[in-house]
Amino acid sequence: MADWYIFSIAALVLMGAQRFLYKVSAERNCNTAWTTFSFMAVVTLLSGILFILSGESVKDPNFLFIVAVANSISFVLATMSHMEALKRLPGSVVYPVIRLNAVLVVVFSVVFFNERFSGFQIAGIVTAMAVVGLLTRGADGGERAADRARQGIIFVVISVLAGA
């Protein structure tokens, strides 16, 4: 089996576990900032250990620093807005819509790396966008529910943009 396939399956399982823990945190109304800090601290610790064990050297520390800062800022925004969205909207809405950040990554690939869409990919993107409309519709739960839903959608949009 190819290494990329094993890594893809591992990423799927681990990201699923991470998303589950986001939902647990939201359901228990945990402090979003502390939860995000905990995630970042564990990632930092594990990444540092793996880097040291790899024996690799840093070829361009300035570039690494810039990428690390950009990644940290986007991770904080994506994670905190994701959890805040889960506090206001059901997971059945939040999770599929937030996965649309993959569509933005594809668009970035076209713009920055001159990649091209196939007809099948275009159909998939259009379908994904249509799903957003279907999932974000819901029964009217009154003004308070509508206000919470609007706040949740704003957090979802922030998470999608930061995650891409």
N, C-alpha and C. Protein backbone atom coordinates (compact mmCIF):
# COMPACT_ATOMS: atom_id res chain seq x y z
N MET A 1 0.85 -1.17 0.00
CA MET A 1 0.00 0.00 0.00
C MET A 1 0.89 1.24 0.00
N ALA A 2 0.50 2.25 -0.76
CA ALA A 2 1.30 3.47 -0.86
C ALA A 2 1.27 4.26 0.44
N ASP A 3 2.39 4.91 0.74
CA ASP A 3 2.49 5.71 1.96
C ASP A 3 1.42 6.80 2.01
N TRP A 4 1.14 7.45 0.85
CA TRP A 4 0.16 8.53 0.86
C TRP A 4 -1.21 8.03 1.29
N TYR A 5 -1.54 6.79 0.93
CA TYR A 5 -2.84 6.24 1.29
C TYR A 5 -2.94 6.01 2.80
N ILE A 6 -1.90 5.48 3.38
CA ILE A 6 -1.87 5.25 4.83
C ILE A 6 -1.96 6.58 5.57
N PHE A 7 -1.20 7.58 5.11
CA PHE A 7 -1.25 8.89 5.74
C PHE A 7 -2.65 9.52 5.57
N SER A 8 -3.28 9.32 4.43
CA SER A 8 -4.62 9.85 4.20
C SER A 8 -5.64 9.22 5.14
N ILE A 9 -5.56 7.92 5.32
CA ILE A 9 -6.48 7.23 6.23
C ILE A 9 -6.22 7.69 7.67
N ALA A 10 -4.95 7.80 8.05
CA ALA A 10 -4.61 8.27 9.40
C ALA A 10 -5.15 9.69 9.61
N ALA A 11 -4.98 10.56 8.62
CA ALA A 11 -5.48 11.93 8.74
C ALA A 11 -6.99 11.95 8.86
N LEU A 12 -7.67 11.10 8.11
CA LEU A 12 -9.14 11.02 8.18
C LEU A 12 -9.59 10.64 9.59
N VAL A 13 -8.98 9.61 10.15
CA VAL A 13 -9.36 9.14 11.48
C VAL A 13 -9.02 10.19 12.55
N LEU A 14 -7.81 10.74 12.48
CA LEU A 14 -7.39 11.71 13.49
C LEU A 14 -8.17 13.02 13.39
N MET A 15 -8.43 13.49 12.18
CA MET A 15 -9.24 14.71 12.03
C MET A 15 -10.67 14.46 12.50
N GLY A 16 -11.18 13.27 12.27
CA GLY A 16 -12.50 12.93 12.79
C GLY A 16 -12.54 12.96 14.30
N ALA A 17 -11.50 12.44 14.93
CA ALA A 17 -11.42 12.48 16.39
C ALA A 17 -11.33 13.92 16.88
N GLN A 18 -10.56 14.74 16.19
CA GLN A 18 -10.44 16.14 16.56
C GLN A 18 -11.79 16.84 16.45
N ARG A 19 -12.50 16.62 15.37
CA ARG A 19 -13.81 17.25 15.18
C ARG A 19 -14.81 16.77 16.25
N PHE A 20 -14.72 15.50 16.61
CA PHE A 20 -15.57 14.98 17.68
C PHE A 20 -15.28 15.72 18.98
N LEU A 21 -14.01 15.93 19.28
CA LEU A 21 -13.64 16.63 20.50
C LEU A 21 -14.09 18.09 20.47
N TYR A 22 -14.12 18.70 19.29
CA TYR A 22 -14.69 20.05 19.16
C TYR A 22 -16.15 20.03 19.59
N LYS A 23 -16.89 19.04 19.11
CA LYS A 23 -18.32 18.94 19.43
C LYS A 23 -18.52 18.68 20.93
N VAL A 24 -17.69 17.82 21.51
CA VAL A 24 -17.78 17.56 22.94
C VAL A 24 -17.54 18.86 23.72
N SER A 25 -16.53 19.61 23.32
CA SER A 25 -16.23 20.88 23.97
C SER A 25 -17.39 21.85 23.85
N ALA A 26 -17.99 21.93 22.67
CA ALA A 26 -19.13 22.84 22.46
C ALA A 26 -20.34 22.40 23.28
N GLU A 27 -20.61 21.10 23.30
CA GLU A 27 -21.77 20.59 24.04
C GLU A 27 -21.63 20.81 25.54
N ARG A 28 -20.41 20.74 26.03
CA ARG A 28 -20.17 20.96 27.46
C ARG A 28 -19.97 22.44 27.77
N ASN A 29 -20.10 23.27 26.74
CA ASN A 29 -19.96 24.72 26.86
C ASN A 29 -18.61 25.11 27.48
N CYS A 30 -17.56 24.40 27.07
CA CYS A 30 -16.21 24.69 27.55
C CYS A 30 -15.74 26.02 26.98
N ASN A 31 -14.81 26.63 27.66
CA ASN A 31 -14.23 27.87 27.19
C ASN A 31 -13.47 27.60 25.89
N THR A 32 -13.89 28.27 24.83
CA THR A 32 -13.32 28.03 23.50
C THR A 32 -11.84 28.38 23.46
N ALA A 33 -11.44 29.47 24.11
CA ALA A 33 -10.04 29.88 24.09
C ALA A 33 -9.15 28.84 24.77
N TRP A 34 -9.58 28.32 25.92
CA TRP A 34 -8.79 27.31 26.63
C TRP A 34 -8.72 26.01 25.84
N THR A 35 -9.82 25.65 25.22
CA THR A 35 -9.83 24.42 24.42
C THR A 35 -8.87 24.55 23.25
N THR A 36 -8.91 25.70 22.57
CA THR A 36 -8.02 25.94 21.44
C THR A 36 -6.57 25.95 21.90
N PHE A 37 -6.30 26.62 23.01
CA PHE A 37 -4.94 26.65 23.56
C PHE A 37 -4.45 25.23 23.84
N SER A 38 -5.31 24.39 24.40
CA SER A 38 -4.94 23.00 24.70
C SER A 38 -4.57 22.25 23.43
N PHE A 39 -5.40 22.42 22.38
CA PHE A 39 -5.11 21.76 21.11
C PHE A 39 -3.76 22.24 20.56
N MET A 40 -3.54 23.55 20.59
CA MET A 40 -2.30 24.10 20.04
C MET A 40 -1.08 23.65 20.85
N ALA A 41 -1.22 23.58 22.17
CA ALA A 41 -0.10 23.15 23.01
C ALA A 41 0.28 21.70 22.71
N VAL A 42 -0.71 20.84 22.56
CA VAL A 42 -0.43 19.44 22.26
C VAL A 42 0.21 19.31 20.87
N VAL A 43 -0.32 20.03 19.89
CA VAL A 43 0.27 19.99 18.54
C VAL A 43 1.71 20.47 18.57
N THR A 44 1.97 21.55 19.29
CA THR A 44 3.33 22.08 19.39
C THR A 44 4.27 21.07 20.02
N LEU A 45 3.82 20.47 21.11
CA LEU A 45 4.65 19.49 21.81
C LEU A 45 4.95 18.28 20.92
N LEU A 46 3.92 17.70 20.32
CA LEU A 46 4.12 16.52 19.47
C LEU A 46 4.97 16.85 18.25
N SER A 47 4.70 17.99 17.62
CA SER A 47 5.49 18.39 16.44
C SER A 47 6.94 18.60 16.81
N GLY A 48 7.18 19.24 17.95
CA GLY A 48 8.56 19.46 18.39
C GLY A 48 9.30 18.16 18.63
N ILE A 49 8.63 17.23 19.29
CA ILE A 49 9.25 15.92 19.55
C ILE A 49 9.56 15.21 18.24
N LEU A 50 8.60 15.18 17.31
CA LEU A 50 8.81 14.51 16.03
C LEU A 50 9.92 15.20 15.22
N PHE A 51 9.99 16.52 15.29
CA PHE A 51 11.05 17.24 14.58
C PHE A 51 12.42 16.87 15.14
N ILE A 52 12.54 16.85 16.45
CA ILE A 52 13.82 16.50 17.08
C ILE A 52 14.21 15.07 16.73
N LEU A 53 13.23 14.16 16.78
CA LEU A 53 13.52 12.75 16.47
C LEU A 53 13.87 12.54 15.00
N SER A 54 13.37 13.41 14.12
CA SER A 54 13.64 13.23 12.69
C SER A 54 15.08 13.55 12.32
N GLY A 55 15.74 14.39 13.13
CA GLY A 55 17.12 14.76 12.84
C GLY A 55 17.27 15.74 11.68
N GLU A 56 16.17 16.27 11.18
CA GLU A 56 16.21 17.23 10.08
C GLU A 56 16.72 18.59 10.57
N SER A 57 17.27 19.35 9.65
CA SER A 57 17.69 20.71 9.98
C SER A 57 16.76 21.69 9.26
N VAL A 58 16.71 22.91 9.76
CA VAL A 58 15.88 23.95 9.15
C VAL A 58 16.75 24.71 8.16
N LYS A 59 16.33 24.68 6.89
CA LYS A 59 17.12 25.31 5.83
C LYS A 59 16.92 26.83 5.79
N ASP A 60 15.69 27.27 6.05
CA ASP A 60 15.38 28.70 6.00
C ASP A 60 14.51 29.06 7.21
N PRO A 61 15.12 29.41 8.34
CA PRO A 61 14.35 29.69 9.56
C PRO A 61 13.38 30.86 9.42
N ASN A 62 13.73 31.86 8.61
CA ASN A 62 12.82 33.01 8.42
C ASN A 62 11.53 32.58 7.75
N PHE A 63 11.65 31.78 6.68
CA PHE A 63 10.45 31.29 6.00
C PHE A 63 9.63 30.40 6.93
N LEU A 64 10.32 29.53 7.67
CA LEU A 64 9.63 28.66 8.62
C LEU A 64 8.87 29.47 9.65
N PHE A 65 9.47 30.53 10.15
CA PHE A 65 8.81 31.39 11.14
C PHE A 65 7.56 32.04 10.55
N ILE A 66 7.66 32.56 9.34
CA ILE A 66 6.51 33.21 8.69
C ILE A 66 5.37 32.21 8.48
N VAL A 67 5.71 31.04 7.99
CA VAL A 67 4.70 30.00 7.77
C VAL A 67 4.09 29.56 9.09
N ALA A 68 4.90 29.42 10.13
CA ALA A 68 4.41 29.00 11.44
C ALA A 68 3.44 30.03 12.02
N VAL A 69 3.77 31.30 11.90
CA VAL A 69 2.88 32.36 12.41
C VAL A 69 1.56 32.37 11.63
N ALA A 70 1.65 32.29 10.31
CA ALA A 70 0.43 32.28 9.48
C ALA A 70 -0.42 31.06 9.81
N ASN A 71 0.21 29.90 9.97
CA ASN A 71 -0.52 28.68 10.31
C ASN A 71 -1.18 28.79 11.68
N SER A 72 -0.46 29.35 12.64
CA SER A 72 -1.00 29.48 13.99
C SER A 72 -2.21 30.41 14.02
N ILE A 73 -2.10 31.54 13.33
CA ILE A 73 -3.23 32.48 13.28
C ILE A 73 -4.44 31.84 12.62
N SER A 74 -4.22 31.17 11.50
CA SER A 74 -5.36 30.55 10.81
C SER A 74 -5.94 29.40 11.63
N PHE A 75 -5.09 28.63 12.33
CA PHE A 75 -5.57 27.54 13.17
C PHE A 75 -6.44 28.08 14.31
N VAL A 76 -5.97 29.15 14.96
CA VAL A 76 -6.74 29.73 16.06
C VAL A 76 -8.09 30.22 15.55
N LEU A 77 -8.09 30.97 14.45
CA LEU A 77 -9.36 31.47 13.91
C LEU A 77 -10.29 30.33 13.50
N ALA A 78 -9.75 29.35 12.79
CA ALA A 78 -10.58 28.24 12.32
C ALA A 78 -11.14 27.42 13.48
N THR A 79 -10.30 27.12 14.46
CA THR A 79 -10.73 26.29 15.58
C THR A 79 -11.74 27.00 16.46
N MET A 80 -11.44 28.25 16.81
CA MET A 80 -12.35 28.97 17.71
C MET A 80 -13.69 29.23 17.03
N SER A 81 -13.66 29.62 15.77
CA SER A 81 -14.94 29.87 15.09
C SER A 81 -15.71 28.57 14.87
N HIS A 82 -15.00 27.47 14.64
CA HIS A 82 -15.64 26.16 14.49
C HIS A 82 -16.40 25.79 15.77
N MET A 83 -15.73 25.93 16.91
CA MET A 83 -16.39 25.57 18.17
C MET A 83 -17.53 26.51 18.51
N GLU A 84 -17.36 27.79 18.21
CA GLU A 84 -18.45 28.74 18.47
C GLU A 84 -19.64 28.45 17.56
N ALA A 85 -19.38 28.04 16.33
CA ALA A 85 -20.47 27.66 15.42
C ALA A 85 -21.22 26.44 15.97
N LEU A 86 -20.48 25.48 16.53
CA LEU A 86 -21.10 24.28 17.09
C LEU A 86 -21.96 24.60 18.31
N LYS A 87 -21.68 25.71 18.98
CA LYS A 87 -22.51 26.12 20.12
C LYS A 87 -23.83 26.72 19.66
N ARG A 88 -23.91 27.12 18.40
CA ARG A 88 -25.10 27.81 17.90
C ARG A 88 -25.88 27.04 16.85
N LEU A 89 -25.23 26.08 16.20
CA LEU A 89 -25.87 25.31 15.13
C LEU A 89 -25.64 23.82 15.37
N PRO A 90 -26.50 22.99 14.84
CA PRO A 90 -26.28 21.54 14.98
C PRO A 90 -25.06 21.08 14.17
N GLY A 91 -24.40 20.06 14.66
CA GLY A 91 -23.24 19.50 13.97
C GLY A 91 -23.57 19.04 12.57
N SER A 92 -24.81 18.62 12.34
CA SER A 92 -25.21 18.15 11.00
C SER A 92 -25.19 19.28 9.98
N VAL A 93 -25.19 20.52 10.44
CA VAL A 93 -25.05 21.67 9.54
C VAL A 93 -23.59 22.12 9.50
N VAL A 94 -22.99 22.26 10.67
CA VAL A 94 -21.65 22.83 10.77
C VAL A 94 -20.61 21.99 10.03
N TYR A 95 -20.56 20.70 10.27
CA TYR A 95 -19.50 19.88 9.71
C TYR A 95 -19.49 19.83 8.19
N PRO A 96 -20.61 19.56 7.54
CA PRO A 96 -20.55 19.54 6.07
C PRO A 96 -20.20 20.90 5.46
N VAL A 97 -20.72 21.96 6.04
CA VAL A 97 -20.46 23.28 5.47
C VAL A 97 -18.99 23.67 5.67
N ILE A 98 -18.44 23.39 6.83
CA ILE A 98 -17.04 23.74 7.08
C ILE A 98 -16.11 22.95 6.15
N ARG A 99 -16.51 21.78 5.74
CA ARG A 99 -15.68 20.99 4.82
C ARG A 99 -15.57 21.67 3.45
N LEU A 100 -16.36 22.70 3.22
CA LEU A 100 -16.26 23.44 1.97
C LEU A 100 -14.93 24.19 1.86
N ASN A 101 -14.17 24.24 2.94
CA ASN A 101 -12.85 24.88 2.81
C ASN A 101 -12.00 24.14 1.77
N ALA A 102 -12.30 22.88 1.52
CA ALA A 102 -11.59 22.13 0.47
C ALA A 102 -11.86 22.75 -0.90
N VAL A 103 -13.07 23.27 -1.11
CA VAL A 103 -13.39 23.95 -2.37
C VAL A 103 -12.50 25.18 -2.53
N LEU A 104 -12.32 25.94 -1.45
CA LEU A 104 -11.45 27.11 -1.52
C LEU A 104 -10.00 26.71 -1.81
N VAL A 105 -9.56 25.62 -1.23
CA VAL A 105 -8.19 25.15 -1.49
C VAL A 105 -8.03 24.82 -2.97
N VAL A 106 -9.04 24.21 -3.57
CA VAL A 106 -9.00 23.90 -5.00
C VAL A 106 -8.94 25.19 -5.81
N VAL A 107 -9.73 26.17 -5.43
CA VAL A 107 -9.71 27.46 -6.14
C VAL A 107 -8.33 28.11 -6.00
N PHE A 108 -7.75 28.07 -4.80
CA PHE A 108 -6.40 28.62 -4.61
C PHE A 108 -5.40 27.90 -5.52
N SER A 109 -5.56 26.59 -5.67
CA SER A 109 -4.66 25.82 -6.53
C SER A 109 -4.75 26.29 -7.98
N VAL A 110 -5.94 26.62 -8.42
CA VAL A 110 -6.12 27.12 -9.78
C VAL A 110 -5.47 28.49 -9.93
N VAL A 111 -5.70 29.37 -8.96
CA VAL A 111 -5.19 30.74 -9.04
C VAL A 111 -3.68 30.79 -8.89
N PHE A 112 -3.14 30.10 -7.88
CA PHE A 112 -1.72 30.23 -7.57
C PHE A 112 -0.81 29.22 -8.26
N PHE A 113 -1.36 28.05 -8.62
CA PHE A 113 -0.52 27.01 -9.20
C PHE A 113 -0.94 26.60 -10.61
N ASN A 114 -1.88 27.36 -11.19
CA ASN A 114 -2.36 27.13 -12.56
C ASN A 114 -2.90 25.72 -12.80
N GLU A 115 -3.47 25.13 -11.77
CA GLU A 115 -4.11 23.83 -11.96
C GLU A 115 -5.43 24.04 -12.69
N ARG A 116 -5.97 23.01 -13.30
CA ARG A 116 -7.20 23.11 -14.09
C ARG A 116 -8.27 22.18 -13.52
N PHE A 117 -9.53 22.62 -13.63
CA PHE A 117 -10.67 21.80 -13.21
C PHE A 117 -11.09 20.88 -14.33
N SER A 118 -11.51 19.67 -13.97
CA SER A 118 -12.17 18.79 -14.94
C SER A 118 -13.67 19.05 -14.82
N GLY A 119 -14.43 18.60 -15.76
CA GLY A 119 -15.88 18.76 -15.69
C GLY A 119 -16.47 18.11 -14.45
N PHE A 120 -15.90 16.96 -14.07
CA PHE A 120 -16.36 16.23 -12.88
C PHE A 120 -16.10 17.06 -11.62
N GLN A 121 -14.94 17.70 -11.57
CA GLN A 121 -14.61 18.54 -10.41
C GLN A 121 -15.53 19.76 -10.32
N ILE A 122 -15.82 20.36 -11.46
CA ILE A 122 -16.73 21.51 -11.48
C ILE A 122 -18.11 21.09 -10.98
N ALA A 123 -18.58 19.93 -11.42
CA ALA A 123 -19.88 19.42 -10.97
C ALA A 123 -19.86 19.17 -9.46
N GLY A 124 -18.75 18.68 -8.95
CA GLY A 124 -18.63 18.45 -7.50
C GLY A 124 -18.67 19.74 -6.71
N ILE A 125 -18.01 20.76 -7.20
CA ILE A 125 -18.00 22.05 -6.52
C ILE A 125 -19.39 22.67 -6.52
N VAL A 126 -20.07 22.61 -7.65
CA VAL A 126 -21.43 23.15 -7.74
C VAL A 126 -22.36 22.38 -6.79
N THR A 127 -22.22 21.07 -6.76
CA THR A 127 -23.04 20.26 -5.85
C THR A 127 -22.76 20.62 -4.39
N ALA A 128 -21.49 20.79 -4.05
CA ALA A 128 -21.13 21.15 -2.68
C ALA A 128 -21.74 22.50 -2.29
N MET A 129 -21.71 23.45 -3.21
CA MET A 129 -22.28 24.76 -2.92
C MET A 129 -23.80 24.67 -2.74
N ALA A 130 -24.45 23.82 -3.53
CA ALA A 130 -25.89 23.63 -3.41
C ALA A 130 -26.25 23.01 -2.06
N VAL A 131 -25.40 22.12 -1.58
CA VAL A 131 -25.63 21.48 -0.29
C VAL A 131 -25.66 22.52 0.82
N VAL A 132 -24.82 23.54 0.72
CA VAL A 132 -24.80 24.59 1.74
C VAL A 132 -26.19 25.20 1.88
N GLY A 133 -26.80 25.52 0.76
CA GLY A 133 -28.14 26.09 0.80
C GLY A 133 -29.15 25.16 1.43
N LEU A 134 -29.07 23.88 1.11
CA LEU A 134 -30.00 22.91 1.67
C LEU A 134 -29.80 22.71 3.17
N LEU A 135 -28.56 22.63 3.60
CA LEU A 135 -28.28 22.35 5.01
C LEU A 135 -28.53 23.55 5.92
N THR A 136 -28.38 24.75 5.39
CA THR A 136 -28.55 25.91 6.25
C THR A 136 -30.00 26.36 6.35
N ARG A 137 -30.89 25.73 5.61
CA ARG A 137 -32.32 26.00 5.78
C ARG A 137 -32.81 25.20 6.96
N GLY A 138 -33.72 25.77 7.69
CA GLY A 138 -34.26 25.03 8.83
C GLY A 138 -35.61 25.59 9.22
N ALA A 139 -36.24 24.88 10.09
CA ALA A 139 -37.53 25.34 10.60
C ALA A 139 -37.31 26.60 11.42
N ASP A 140 -38.26 27.51 11.35
CA ASP A 140 -38.15 28.76 12.09
C ASP A 140 -38.39 28.47 13.56
N GLY A 141 -37.36 28.72 14.35
CA GLY A 141 -37.45 28.48 15.78
C GLY A 141 -37.65 29.76 16.57
N GLY A 142 -38.13 30.79 15.91
CA GLY A 142 -38.33 32.07 16.57
C GLY A 142 -37.16 33.00 16.35
N GLU A 143 -37.30 34.22 16.86
CA GLU A 143 -36.30 35.26 16.64
C GLU A 143 -34.97 34.91 17.29
N ARG A 144 -35.00 34.37 18.50
CA ARG A 144 -33.76 34.02 19.20
C ARG A 144 -33.02 32.92 18.44
N ALA A 145 -33.74 31.91 17.99
CA ALA A 145 -33.12 30.82 17.23
C ALA A 145 -32.54 31.34 15.91
N ALA A 146 -33.26 32.25 15.27
CA ALA A 146 -32.77 32.83 14.02
C ALA A 146 -31.50 33.65 14.26
N ASP A 147 -31.45 34.38 15.38
CA ASP A 147 -30.27 35.16 15.71
C ASP A 147 -29.07 34.25 15.98
N ARG A 148 -29.30 33.17 16.72
CA ARG A 148 -28.22 32.21 16.99
C ARG A 148 -27.76 31.55 15.69
N ALA A 149 -28.69 31.26 14.80
CA ALA A 149 -28.34 30.64 13.52
C ALA A 149 -27.49 31.60 12.68
N ARG A 150 -27.85 32.88 12.66
CA ARG A 150 -27.06 33.88 11.93
C ARG A 150 -25.65 33.96 12.51
N GLN A 151 -25.55 33.99 13.82
CA GLN A 151 -24.23 34.02 14.46
C GLN A 151 -23.45 32.75 14.10
N GLY A 152 -24.12 31.62 14.14
CA GLY A 152 -23.47 30.36 13.79
C GLY A 152 -22.95 30.36 12.37
N ILE A 153 -23.74 30.87 11.42
CA ILE A 153 -23.31 30.93 10.02
C ILE A 153 -22.10 31.84 9.86
N ILE A 154 -22.09 32.96 10.59
CA ILE A 154 -20.92 33.86 10.54
C ILE A 154 -19.68 33.12 11.02
N PHE A 155 -19.80 32.38 12.11
CA PHE A 155 -18.66 31.60 12.61
C PHE A 155 -18.25 30.52 11.62
N VAL A 156 -19.21 29.89 10.96
CA VAL A 156 -18.89 28.88 9.96
C VAL A 156 -18.10 29.51 8.81
N VAL A 157 -18.53 30.68 8.34
CA VAL A 157 -17.84 31.34 7.25
C VAL A 157 -16.39 31.68 7.65
N ILE A 158 -16.22 32.19 8.86
CA ILE A 158 -14.86 32.50 9.34
C ILE A 158 -14.02 31.23 9.38
N SER A 159 -14.60 30.14 9.87
CA SER A 159 -13.87 28.87 9.96
C SER A 159 -13.49 28.36 8.58
N VAL A 160 -14.41 28.47 7.62
CA VAL A 160 -14.11 28.00 6.25
C VAL A 160 -12.96 28.80 5.67
N LEU A 161 -13.01 30.11 5.80
CA LEU A 161 -11.96 30.97 5.24
C LEU A 161 -10.61 30.71 5.92
N ALA A 162 -10.61 30.64 7.24
CA ALA A 162 -9.36 30.41 7.98
C ALA A 162 -8.82 29.01 7.73
N GLY A 163 -9.71 28.03 7.60
CA GLY A 163 -9.29 26.65 7.36
C GLY A 163 -8.71 26.43 5.98
N ALA A 164 -9.14 27.24 5.04
CA ALA A 164 -8.60 27.11 3.66
C ALA A 164 -7.22 27.72 3.58
